[in-house]
Amino acid sequence: MIPTQVLDFERPLFELRRKIEELRGSAEASDAVTREVDALGRQLRKLEREVFQNLTPWQKVLLARHPRRPYALDYTASVFSSFTELHGDRLFGDDQSVIAGLATLGQRPVVVVGQQKGRSTNDKIARNFGMSHPEGYRKAMRMMELAARFSKPLITFVDTPGAYPGVGAEERGIAEAIARNLKIMMGLPVPVIVVVIGEGGSGGALGIAIGNVVLMLEYSIYSVISPEGCAGILFKDDLNNPAHAPEMAKNLGLTADDLLRLGVIDEIVPEPPGGAHADPSGAASAIREAIERHLAVLDELGTGDLIAQRMDKFARMGVVHSGK
């Protein structure tokens, strides 16, 4: 199916895919049509390589936010053979921006937590555009404790612009909820694998992102602040028209390549040609393979080693050598 929501730099690819679909759907199934479809297919693959090998950081930001990009619930349905969602934080309510529950990876039971933005207007509102309240992080904390209690690996999917900054969230202790998750995740006695699938925004992302292994999809982003927010602070840009956002995207070092070089993440999971939204099943297969591969390595570590490896991993971040 050809996407109807297209970014500017995707438009030539969109037009080629549309021509191919039109030819395939035509009544005439001649050798000439087949040859033309094959030629257009080769042209499409070449153009995809040219476009996606030369993306700017800002274009990757746009891809990370693509309206058709797979979300956490898409991956719970495709990466795992089963998923049973659990609700509520047992304190206040059920924050729908966080999905959580029990899943099966192949034949292996795991615990899953993810951030969900929503697609339709009503769904986006219900899920608060992926911006979690304190009860969302406390729901995630329930799952972390469940994973520890039953000795099951924890898999998290990060995709949020950031934690919700509203008055109600502050009144119910958003900072404390995130901080408590950081503490709990650092000491979990089970393997923890984090996958950044879209936007990784500030502490809102970090609240479910302390892992033994941090993976990042090729065109996802992970940063302390959004490019628009950074431009607003430094240049007083209007958030609805942030002229300096592309420049800030470059300077923030928020792409997967940047973060792998800095040691913030452990591996980049390659996306299919055209991005995860062009082939969701291909993206899911790549994520599943990476999770299974890293779990096999983490299974060799004892409880103490898992915790020590995780603590050492995050302690090393931000270390600067003077060269003297």
Protein backbone atom coordinates (compact mmCIF):
# COMPACT_ATOMS: atom_id res chain seq x y z
CA MET A 1 0.00 0.00 0.00
CA ILE A 2 1.35 3.43 -0.94
CA PRO A 3 1.40 5.90 1.96
CA THR A 4 -0.82 8.93 1.59
CA GLN A 5 1.22 11.08 4.00
CA VAL A 6 4.51 11.88 2.33
CA LEU A 7 7.48 14.02 3.37
CA ASP A 8 8.91 16.39 0.75
CA PHE A 9 12.07 14.35 0.17
CA GLU A 10 9.97 11.18 -0.15
CA ARG A 11 7.79 12.55 -2.93
CA PRO A 12 9.88 11.26 -5.87
CA LEU A 13 9.80 7.80 -4.29
CA PHE A 14 6.05 8.10 -3.76
CA GLU A 15 5.50 8.96 -7.42
CA LEU A 16 7.56 5.97 -8.58
CA ARG A 17 5.72 3.59 -6.25
CA ARG A 18 2.41 4.94 -7.51
CA LYS A 19 3.40 4.34 -11.14
CA ILE A 20 4.46 0.79 -10.30
CA GLU A 21 1.17 0.08 -8.50
CA GLU A 22 -0.83 1.54 -11.38
CA LEU A 23 0.97 -0.67 -13.88
CA ARG A 24 0.55 -3.76 -11.72
CA GLY A 25 -3.14 -3.02 -11.37
CA SER A 26 -3.73 -2.45 -15.06
CA ALA A 27 -5.80 -4.90 -17.05
CA GLU A 28 -2.98 -5.39 -19.55
CA ALA A 29 -0.45 -7.95 -18.30
CA SER A 30 1.91 -7.95 -21.30
CA ASP A 31 5.65 -8.52 -21.42
CA ALA A 32 6.10 -4.80 -22.11
CA VAL A 33 4.27 -3.89 -18.91
CA THR A 34 6.34 -6.40 -16.94
CA ARG A 35 9.56 -4.97 -18.33
CA GLU A 36 8.47 -1.44 -17.48
CA VAL A 37 7.57 -2.48 -13.92
CA ASP A 38 10.98 -4.13 -13.53
CA ALA A 39 12.74 -1.03 -14.87
CA LEU A 40 10.79 1.27 -12.54
CA GLY A 41 11.57 -1.07 -9.65
CA ARG A 42 15.30 -0.79 -10.33
CA GLN A 43 14.96 2.98 -10.61
CA LEU A 44 13.07 3.07 -7.31
CA ARG A 45 15.72 1.05 -5.46
CA LYS A 46 18.49 3.27 -6.83
CA LEU A 47 16.63 6.44 -5.86
CA GLU A 48 15.92 5.07 -2.36
CA ARG A 49 19.64 4.48 -1.85
CA GLU A 50 20.50 7.97 -3.08
CA VAL A 51 17.87 9.70 -0.92
CA PHE A 52 18.39 7.75 2.29
CA GLN A 53 22.18 7.74 2.16
CA ASN A 54 22.22 11.54 2.17
CA LEU A 55 19.60 12.44 4.76
CA THR A 56 20.26 15.49 6.92
CA PRO A 57 19.73 15.27 10.70
CA TRP A 58 16.54 17.33 10.30
CA GLN A 59 15.20 14.93 7.69
CA LYS A 60 15.86 12.08 10.14
CA VAL A 61 13.88 13.99 12.75
CA LEU A 62 10.99 14.15 10.30
CA LEU A 63 11.30 10.43 9.59
CA ALA A 64 11.33 9.63 13.31
CA ARG A 65 8.01 11.50 13.57
CA HIS A 66 6.55 10.14 10.33
CA PRO A 67 2.78 9.72 10.78
CA ARG A 68 2.94 6.22 9.31
CA ARG A 69 5.95 5.07 11.30
CA PRO A 70 5.25 1.89 13.30
CA TYR A 71 4.50 2.49 16.98
CA ALA A 72 5.00 0.30 20.02
CA LEU A 73 1.68 -1.55 19.61
CA ASP A 74 2.61 -2.35 16.01
CA TYR A 75 5.79 -4.00 17.24
CA THR A 76 4.11 -5.89 20.08
CA ALA A 77 1.94 -7.48 17.40
CA SER A 78 4.78 -8.27 14.99
CA VAL A 79 7.92 -8.85 17.07
CA PHE A 80 6.25 -11.11 19.63
CA SER A 81 4.14 -14.21 19.09
CA SER A 82 1.73 -13.09 21.82
CA PHE A 83 1.09 -9.98 23.90
CA THR A 84 -1.29 -9.52 26.83
CA GLU A 85 -1.69 -5.89 27.86
CA LEU A 86 -1.95 -4.94 31.53
CA HIS A 87 -3.41 -1.64 32.71
CA GLY A 88 -3.14 0.87 35.51
CA ASP A 89 -0.60 1.91 38.11
CA ARG A 90 -2.63 0.73 41.15
CA LEU A 91 -2.41 4.29 42.51
CA PHE A 92 -4.23 6.76 40.27
CA GLY A 93 -5.26 5.53 36.84
CA ASP A 94 -4.35 4.05 33.49
CA ASP A 95 -2.14 6.25 31.32
CA GLN A 96 -2.74 5.12 27.74
CA SER A 97 0.48 6.73 26.50
CA VAL A 98 2.28 3.75 28.07
CA ILE A 99 1.48 0.23 26.92
CA ALA A 100 2.71 -2.62 29.08
CA GLY A 101 2.20 -6.31 29.53
CA LEU A 102 3.41 -9.86 29.11
CA ALA A 103 4.66 -11.16 25.78
CA THR A 104 6.26 -14.19 24.21
CA LEU A 105 9.44 -13.81 22.15
CA GLY A 106 9.55 -17.03 20.16
CA GLN A 107 8.92 -19.47 23.02
CA ARG A 108 10.33 -17.19 25.73
CA PRO A 109 8.14 -15.17 28.14
CA VAL A 110 9.20 -11.53 28.48
CA VAL A 111 7.82 -8.32 29.96
CA VAL A 112 7.23 -5.40 27.58
CA VAL A 113 6.82 -1.66 28.16
CA GLY A 114 6.40 0.90 25.36
CA GLN A 115 5.32 4.44 24.62
CA GLN A 116 2.39 4.87 22.24
CA LYS A 117 1.52 8.10 20.39
CA GLY A 118 -1.74 7.17 18.69
CA ARG A 119 -2.80 7.52 15.05
CA SER A 120 -6.31 8.92 14.71
CA THR A 121 -7.19 12.26 16.28
CA ASN A 122 -9.18 10.62 19.07
CA ASP A 123 -6.42 8.09 19.71
CA LYS A 124 -3.76 10.79 19.84
CA ILE A 125 -5.79 12.69 22.41
CA ALA A 126 -6.45 9.55 24.46
CA ARG A 127 -2.74 8.71 24.45
CA ASN A 128 -1.73 12.36 24.98
CA PHE A 129 0.48 12.24 21.86
CA GLY A 130 2.84 9.83 23.63
CA MET A 131 3.61 12.24 26.48
CA SER A 132 3.25 10.30 29.71
CA HIS A 133 1.86 11.38 33.06
CA PRO A 134 3.31 10.09 36.37
CA GLU A 135 0.86 7.17 36.34
CA GLY A 136 2.34 6.05 33.02
CA TYR A 137 5.80 5.74 34.54
CA ARG A 138 4.33 4.06 37.62
CA LYS A 139 2.57 1.56 35.34
CA ALA A 140 5.97 0.91 33.74
CA MET A 141 7.43 0.50 37.24
CA ARG A 142 4.83 -2.21 37.96
CA MET A 143 6.07 -4.10 34.93
CA MET A 144 9.71 -3.69 35.98
CA GLU A 145 8.96 -5.15 39.38
CA LEU A 146 6.97 -7.94 37.74
CA ALA A 147 9.94 -8.79 35.51
CA ALA A 148 12.23 -8.91 38.55
CA ARG A 149 9.80 -11.01 40.61
CA PHE A 150 9.41 -13.69 37.95
CA SER A 151 12.93 -13.44 36.47
CA LYS A 152 11.77 -12.44 32.98
CA PRO A 153 13.69 -10.16 30.59
CA LEU A 154 12.37 -6.63 30.19
CA ILE A 155 12.01 -5.14 26.69
CA THR A 156 11.13 -1.46 26.30
CA PHE A 157 10.16 0.56 23.23
CA VAL A 158 10.96 4.27 23.45
CA ASP A 159 8.91 6.74 21.40
CA THR A 160 7.94 10.03 23.05
CA PRO A 161 8.45 13.76 22.50
CA GLY A 162 8.96 13.94 26.28
CA ALA A 163 7.09 13.55 29.54
CA TYR A 164 3.91 15.62 29.86
CA PRO A 165 4.78 19.04 31.38
CA GLY A 166 1.27 19.96 32.58
CA VAL A 167 0.21 21.14 36.01
CA GLY A 168 -1.56 17.87 36.85
CA ALA A 169 1.55 15.86 36.04
CA GLU A 170 3.63 18.11 38.29
CA GLU A 171 1.06 17.84 41.09
CA ARG A 172 1.19 14.03 40.91
CA GLY A 173 4.99 13.92 40.96
CA ILE A 174 6.25 13.45 37.38
CA ALA A 175 9.89 14.08 38.33
CA GLU A 176 9.74 11.62 41.23
CA ALA A 177 8.08 8.97 39.07
CA ILE A 178 10.81 9.20 36.41
CA ALA A 179 13.60 9.31 38.99
CA ARG A 180 12.23 6.23 40.76
CA ASN A 181 12.15 4.35 37.45
CA LEU A 182 15.79 5.24 36.79
CA LYS A 183 16.75 3.85 40.19
CA ILE A 184 14.70 0.68 39.80
CA MET A 185 15.86 -0.04 36.24
CA MET A 186 19.50 0.39 37.21
CA GLY A 187 19.16 -2.39 39.79
CA LEU A 188 16.90 -4.85 37.97
CA PRO A 189 18.24 -8.42 38.32
CA VAL A 190 17.12 -9.41 34.79
CA PRO A 191 18.31 -8.58 31.25
CA VAL A 192 16.95 -5.24 30.04
CA ILE A 193 16.93 -4.31 26.34
CA VAL A 194 15.82 -0.86 25.20
CA VAL A 195 14.79 -0.09 21.61
CA VAL A 196 14.40 3.54 20.48
CA ILE A 197 11.83 3.21 17.68
CA GLY A 198 10.94 6.85 16.98
CA GLU A 199 11.53 9.87 19.18
CA GLY A 200 13.55 9.59 22.36
CA GLY A 201 12.73 12.85 24.10
CA SER A 202 14.63 13.86 27.25
CA GLY A 203 13.74 12.38 30.66
CA GLY A 204 10.43 11.24 29.27
CA ALA A 205 12.35 8.69 27.22
CA LEU A 206 14.99 7.93 29.85
CA GLY A 207 12.28 6.88 32.31
CA ILE A 208 12.03 3.53 30.48
CA ALA A 209 15.47 3.50 28.81
CA ILE A 210 18.01 2.26 31.36
CA GLY A 211 19.14 -1.04 29.84
CA ASN A 212 22.01 -3.46 29.48
CA VAL A 213 21.67 -2.90 25.75
CA VAL A 214 20.24 0.21 24.08
CA LEU A 215 19.27 -0.30 20.43
CA MET A 216 18.14 2.42 18.07
CA LEU A 217 16.35 2.18 14.76
CA GLU A 218 18.36 3.77 11.98
CA TYR A 219 16.10 6.79 11.47
CA SER A 220 15.03 7.36 15.06
CA ILE A 221 16.30 10.20 17.27
CA TYR A 222 17.32 10.51 20.92
CA SER A 223 18.04 13.83 22.58
CA VAL A 224 17.83 15.91 25.75
CA ILE A 225 15.56 18.39 23.95
CA SER A 226 13.75 18.68 20.62
CA PRO A 227 15.32 20.82 17.86
CA GLU A 228 12.30 23.14 18.09
CA GLY A 229 12.67 23.50 21.84
CA CYS A 230 16.38 24.18 21.51
CA ALA A 231 15.76 26.80 18.81
CA GLY A 232 13.13 28.42 21.02
CA ILE A 233 15.56 28.74 23.94
CA LEU A 234 18.62 29.87 22.00
CA PHE A 235 17.03 31.95 19.23
CA LYS A 236 13.57 32.71 20.62
CA ASP A 237 12.06 30.94 17.61
CA ASP A 238 8.31 30.58 17.42
CA LEU A 239 7.59 26.91 18.17
CA ASN A 240 5.11 26.90 15.27
CA ASN A 241 7.77 28.23 12.89
CA PRO A 242 11.18 27.23 14.27
CA ALA A 243 13.52 28.62 11.61
CA HIS A 244 16.63 27.35 13.42
CA ALA A 245 15.33 23.82 14.09
CA PRO A 246 17.25 22.17 11.21
CA GLU A 247 20.46 23.79 12.45
CA MET A 248 19.75 22.64 16.01
CA ALA A 249 19.05 19.10 14.80
CA LYS A 250 22.58 19.01 13.42
CA ASN A 251 24.19 20.52 16.54
CA LEU A 252 22.32 18.36 19.06
CA GLY A 253 23.87 15.13 17.77
CA LEU A 254 20.55 13.30 18.03
CA THR A 255 20.85 10.77 15.20
CA ALA A 256 21.65 7.10 15.67
CA ASP A 257 25.08 7.58 14.06
CA ASP A 258 25.89 10.42 16.46
CA LEU A 259 24.80 8.47 19.53
CA LEU A 260 26.62 5.28 18.56
CA ARG A 261 29.82 7.30 18.16
CA LEU A 262 29.28 8.88 21.58
CA GLY A 263 28.63 5.53 23.24
CA VAL A 264 25.07 6.42 24.29
CA ILE A 265 23.64 3.47 22.34
CA ASP A 266 25.07 0.04 21.59
CA GLU A 267 23.80 -0.77 18.12
CA ILE A 268 21.91 0.74 15.19
CA VAL A 269 19.14 -1.51 13.88
CA PRO A 270 18.97 -0.99 10.10
CA GLU A 271 15.63 0.00 8.64
CA PRO A 272 14.23 -1.32 5.34
CA PRO A 273 14.70 0.80 2.20
CA GLY A 274 12.45 3.83 2.53
CA GLY A 275 12.31 3.61 6.31
CA ALA A 276 10.35 1.51 8.81
CA HIS A 277 7.02 2.91 7.59
CA ALA A 278 7.72 1.63 4.07
CA ASP A 279 8.12 -1.96 5.32
CA PRO A 280 6.88 -2.41 8.92
CA SER A 281 7.29 -6.19 8.84
CA GLY A 282 10.90 -5.82 7.71
CA ALA A 283 11.59 -3.39 10.55
CA ALA A 284 9.97 -5.77 13.04
CA SER A 285 12.11 -8.66 11.81
CA ALA A 286 15.28 -6.60 12.25
CA ILE A 287 14.24 -5.62 15.79
CA ARG A 288 13.36 -9.21 16.71
CA GLU A 289 16.71 -10.50 15.44
CA ALA A 290 18.64 -7.85 17.41
CA ILE A 291 16.72 -8.50 20.64
CA GLU A 292 17.16 -12.27 20.41
CA ARG A 293 20.86 -11.92 19.62
CA HIS A 294 21.56 -9.64 22.58
CA LEU A 295 19.42 -11.69 24.96
CA ALA A 296 21.51 -14.74 24.12
CA VAL A 297 24.62 -12.84 25.26
CA LEU A 298 23.00 -11.39 28.40
CA ASP A 299 21.75 -14.85 29.39
CA GLU A 300 25.37 -15.77 30.10
CA LEU A 301 25.62 -13.11 32.82
CA GLY A 302 24.63 -13.65 36.43
CA THR A 303 22.42 -11.25 38.36
CA GLY A 304 25.32 -9.31 39.84
CA ASP A 305 27.06 -9.05 36.48
CA LEU A 306 23.89 -7.79 34.77
CA ILE A 307 23.52 -4.98 37.30
CA ALA A 308 27.24 -4.13 37.27
CA GLN A 309 27.36 -4.07 33.46
CA ARG A 310 24.35 -1.76 33.34
CA MET A 311 25.71 0.62 35.96
CA ASP A 312 29.14 0.72 34.33
CA LYS A 313 27.60 1.38 30.93
CA PHE A 314 25.81 4.51 32.10
CA ALA A 315 28.65 5.66 34.34
CA ARG A 316 30.95 5.80 31.30
CA MET A 317 28.65 8.18 29.40
CA GLY A 318 29.87 11.76 29.26
CA VAL A 319 33.42 10.97 30.34
CA VAL A 320 35.83 13.46 28.78
CA HIS A 321 39.55 12.81 28.35
CA SER A 322 41.72 15.90 28.28
CA GLY A 323 44.47 14.26 26.21
CA LYS A 324 47.21 15.12 28.72
